Amino acid sequence: MKVNYTIYLKAKCQPRYRNSNIFELKVQNVEQLYDVKAHRLERFTISLDATSLDDEFVSELSTVVGESEGNTQLYIQLRTPDQNNILLHSRNRGINVDRQLIDFVAANEKLEYHIN
């Protein structure tokens, strides 16, 4: 660990003594946040309306996904006009959820994303 590293704490809050109103916080595990992302991030889902899907968007998404290959599973959820959802899974390619991908999804008002 070094100064200014972002960490992930897993802790437990419990009574300090039996039948006590005083609580203590016991740290169970400490990890760097970067390592947590690499081990716990399993699934990244991009949601959008099926009617807003066009060739230009597919091309942009393919470019962004192609530049961020990794181990996280990619899902695309299409919402149809009759309130049905279609979930598509990229079987042959995983992604690395990085700032570029998050910025791309956040910049496009038609898109939403969900992690795990």
C-alpha atoms as a PDB file:
ATOM      1  CA  MET A   1       0.000   0.000   0.000  1.00  0.00           C
ATOM      2  CA  LYS A   2       1.095   3.528  -0.707  1.00  0.00           C
ATOM      3  CA  VAL A   3      -0.198   7.006   0.063  1.00  0.00           C
ATOM      4  CA  ASN A   4      -3.275   8.061  -1.983  1.00  0.00           C
ATOM      5  CA  TYR A   5      -4.160   4.526  -3.124  1.00  0.00           C
ATOM      6  CA  THR A   6      -7.873   3.834  -3.214  1.00  0.00           C
ATOM      7  CA  ILE A   7      -8.784   0.836  -1.073  1.00  0.00           C
ATOM      8  CA  TYR A   8     -11.772  -1.434  -0.576  1.00  0.00           C
ATOM      9  CA  LEU A   9     -12.574  -2.340   3.031  1.00  0.00           C
ATOM     10  CA  LYS A  10     -14.741  -5.191   4.133  1.00  0.00           C
ATOM     11  CA  ALA A  11     -15.743  -4.721   7.759  1.00  0.00           C
ATOM     12  CA  LYS A  12     -18.215  -5.961  10.306  1.00  0.00           C
ATOM     13  CA  CYS A  13     -20.076  -3.856  12.864  1.00  0.00           C
ATOM     14  CA  GLN A  14     -20.814  -5.781  16.050  1.00  0.00           C
ATOM     15  CA  PRO A  15     -21.462  -5.182  19.747  1.00  0.00           C
ATOM     16  CA  ARG A  16     -18.208  -4.618  21.583  1.00  0.00           C
ATOM     17  CA  TYR A  17     -19.271  -6.729  24.549  1.00  0.00           C
ATOM     18  CA  ARG A  18     -22.049  -9.187  25.068  1.00  0.00           C
ATOM     19  CA  ASN A  19     -25.356  -7.400  25.749  1.00  0.00           C
ATOM     20  CA  SER A  20     -23.665  -4.046  25.123  1.00  0.00           C
ATOM     21  CA  ASN A  21     -24.965  -0.914  23.402  1.00  0.00           C
ATOM     22  CA  ILE A  22     -21.416   0.004  22.374  1.00  0.00           C
ATOM     23  CA  PHE A  23     -20.413  -1.166  18.906  1.00  0.00           C
ATOM     24  CA  GLU A  24     -17.079  -1.725  17.271  1.00  0.00           C
ATOM     25  CA  LEU A  25     -16.008  -1.939  13.641  1.00  0.00           C
ATOM     26  CA  LYS A  26     -13.806  -4.940  12.858  1.00  0.00           C
ATOM     27  CA  VAL A  27     -11.961  -4.816   9.547  1.00  0.00           C
ATOM     28  CA  GLN A  28     -12.202  -8.192   7.814  1.00  0.00           C
ATOM     29  CA  ASN A  29     -10.309  -7.514   4.589  1.00  0.00           C
ATOM     30  CA  VAL A  30      -8.402  -4.696   2.853  1.00  0.00           C
ATOM     31  CA  GLU A  31      -7.749  -4.685  -0.910  1.00  0.00           C
ATOM     32  CA  GLN A  32      -6.738  -2.147  -3.492  1.00  0.00           C
ATOM     33  CA  LEU A  33      -9.796  -0.989  -5.419  1.00  0.00           C
ATOM     34  CA  TYR A  34      -8.107  -1.801  -8.733  1.00  0.00           C
ATOM     35  CA  ASP A  35      -7.700  -5.454  -7.662  1.00  0.00           C
ATOM     36  CA  VAL A  36     -11.331  -5.625  -6.527  1.00  0.00           C
ATOM     37  CA  LYS A  37     -12.460  -4.486  -9.984  1.00  0.00           C
ATOM     38  CA  ALA A  38     -10.353  -7.172 -11.618  1.00  0.00           C
ATOM     39  CA  HIS A  39     -11.673  -9.996  -9.392  1.00  0.00           C
ATOM     40  CA  ARG A  40     -15.288  -9.086  -8.628  1.00  0.00           C
ATOM     41  CA  LEU A  41     -16.519  -7.470 -11.823  1.00  0.00           C
ATOM     42  CA  GLU A  42     -18.279 -10.262 -13.689  1.00  0.00           C
ATOM     43  CA  ARG A  43     -20.846  -8.690 -15.971  1.00  0.00           C
ATOM     44  CA  PHE A  44     -21.376  -5.351 -17.733  1.00  0.00           C
ATOM     45  CA  THR A  45     -24.801  -4.737 -19.294  1.00  0.00           C
ATOM     46  CA  ILE A  46     -25.611  -1.893 -21.689  1.00  0.00           C
ATOM     47  CA  SER A  47     -29.345  -1.157 -21.977  1.00  0.00           C
ATOM     48  CA  LEU A  48     -31.024   0.764 -24.776  1.00  0.00           C
ATOM     49  CA  ASP A  49     -34.259   0.993 -26.743  1.00  0.00           C
ATOM     50  CA  ALA A  50     -34.313  -1.274 -29.776  1.00  0.00           C
ATOM     51  CA  THR A  51     -35.809   1.545 -31.863  1.00  0.00           C
ATOM     52  CA  SER A  52     -32.718   3.726 -31.302  1.00  0.00           C
ATOM     53  CA  LEU A  53     -30.373   1.062 -32.671  1.00  0.00           C
ATOM     54  CA  ASP A  54     -28.741   2.074 -35.966  1.00  0.00           C
ATOM     55  CA  ASP A  55     -25.607   1.281 -37.999  1.00  0.00           C
ATOM     56  CA  GLU A  56     -23.678   4.296 -36.710  1.00  0.00           C
ATOM     57  CA  PHE A  57     -24.252   3.338 -33.071  1.00  0.00           C
ATOM     58  CA  VAL A  58     -23.303  -0.303 -33.705  1.00  0.00           C
ATOM     59  CA  SER A  59     -20.096   0.849 -35.382  1.00  0.00           C
ATOM     60  CA  GLU A  60     -19.187   3.166 -32.481  1.00  0.00           C
ATOM     61  CA  LEU A  61     -19.935   0.489 -29.888  1.00  0.00           C
ATOM     62  CA  SER A  62     -17.896  -2.102 -31.796  1.00  0.00           C
ATOM     63  CA  THR A  63     -14.937   0.275 -31.880  1.00  0.00           C
ATOM     64  CA  VAL A  64     -15.080   1.063 -28.159  1.00  0.00           C
ATOM     65  CA  VAL A  65     -15.547  -2.591 -27.183  1.00  0.00           C
ATOM     66  CA  GLY A  66     -12.764  -3.685 -29.541  1.00  0.00           C
ATOM     67  CA  GLU A  67     -10.331  -1.281 -27.874  1.00  0.00           C
ATOM     68  CA  SER A  68     -11.072  -2.524 -24.350  1.00  0.00           C
ATOM     69  CA  GLU A  69     -10.694  -6.294 -24.394  1.00  0.00           C
ATOM     70  CA  GLY A  70     -10.721  -8.019 -21.021  1.00  0.00           C
ATOM     71  CA  ASN A  71     -12.385 -10.726 -18.934  1.00  0.00           C
ATOM     72  CA  THR A  72     -15.728  -9.121 -18.019  1.00  0.00           C
ATOM     73  CA  GLN A  73     -18.776 -10.545 -19.798  1.00  0.00           C
ATOM     74  CA  LEU A  74     -20.602  -8.075 -22.049  1.00  0.00           C
ATOM     75  CA  TYR A  75     -24.393  -8.062 -22.332  1.00  0.00           C
ATOM     76  CA  ILE A  76     -26.622  -5.811 -24.446  1.00  0.00           C
ATOM     77  CA  GLN A  77     -30.230  -5.435 -23.299  1.00  0.00           C
ATOM     78  CA  LEU A  78     -32.679  -4.195 -25.924  1.00  0.00           C
ATOM     79  CA  ARG A  79     -36.042  -2.810 -24.794  1.00  0.00           C
ATOM     80  CA  THR A  80     -38.736  -3.257 -27.422  1.00  0.00           C
ATOM     81  CA  PRO A  81     -41.740  -0.921 -27.878  1.00  0.00           C
ATOM     82  CA  ASP A  82     -44.109  -3.592 -26.504  1.00  0.00           C
ATOM     83  CA  GLN A  83     -42.182  -3.614 -23.160  1.00  0.00           C
ATOM     84  CA  ASN A  84     -40.241  -6.826 -23.800  1.00  0.00           C
ATOM     85  CA  ASN A  85     -36.526  -7.132 -23.093  1.00  0.00           C
ATOM     86  CA  ILE A  86     -34.068  -8.992 -25.287  1.00  0.00           C
ATOM     87  CA  LEU A  87     -30.737  -9.853 -23.645  1.00  0.00           C
ATOM     88  CA  LEU A  88     -27.790 -10.415 -25.982  1.00  0.00           C
ATOM     89  CA  HIS A  89     -24.524 -11.936 -24.714  1.00  0.00           C
ATOM     90  CA  SER A  90     -21.141 -11.514 -26.367  1.00  0.00           C
ATOM     91  CA  ARG A  91     -19.748 -15.023 -26.191  1.00  0.00           C
ATOM     92  CA  ASN A  92     -16.540 -14.538 -28.124  1.00  0.00           C
ATOM     93  CA  ARG A  93     -15.316 -11.325 -26.518  1.00  0.00           C
ATOM     94  CA  GLY A  94     -14.892 -10.041 -22.996  1.00  0.00           C
ATOM     95  CA  ILE A  95     -14.301  -6.423 -22.113  1.00  0.00           C
ATOM     96  CA  ASN A  96     -12.248  -4.388 -19.690  1.00  0.00           C
ATOM     97  CA  VAL A  97     -14.535  -1.917 -17.946  1.00  0.00           C
ATOM     98  CA  ASP A  98     -12.387   1.196 -18.105  1.00  0.00           C
ATOM     99  CA  ARG A  99     -12.946   4.951 -18.107  1.00  0.00           C
ATOM    100  CA  GLN A 100     -13.265   5.106 -21.916  1.00  0.00           C
ATOM    101  CA  LEU A 101     -16.151   2.608 -21.944  1.00  0.00           C
ATOM    102  CA  ILE A 102     -17.952   4.270 -19.011  1.00  0.00           C
ATOM    103  CA  ASP A 103     -17.538   7.709 -20.622  1.00  0.00           C
ATOM    104  CA  PHE A 104     -18.925   6.413 -23.936  1.00  0.00           C
ATOM    105  CA  VAL A 105     -22.039   5.012 -22.268  1.00  0.00           C
ATOM    106  CA  ALA A 106     -22.521   8.039 -20.002  1.00  0.00           C
ATOM    107  CA  ALA A 107     -22.154  10.497 -22.907  1.00  0.00           C
ATOM    108  CA  ASN A 108     -24.900   8.800 -24.910  1.00  0.00           C
ATOM    109  CA  GLU A 109     -28.295   9.672 -23.427  1.00  0.00           C
ATOM    110  CA  LYS A 110     -29.934   6.639 -25.088  1.00  0.00           C
ATOM    111  CA  LEU A 111     -27.775   4.245 -23.039  1.00  0.00           C
ATOM    112  CA  GLU A 112     -27.773   2.983 -19.482  1.00  0.00           C
ATOM    113  CA  TYR A 113     -25.391   0.509 -17.887  1.00  0.00           C
ATOM    114  CA  HIS A 114     -25.510  -1.987 -15.043  1.00  0.00           C
ATOM    115  CA  ILE A 115     -22.615  -3.780 -13.386  1.00  0.00           C
ATOM    116  CA  ASN A 116     -23.047  -7.381 -12.203  1.00  0.00           C
END
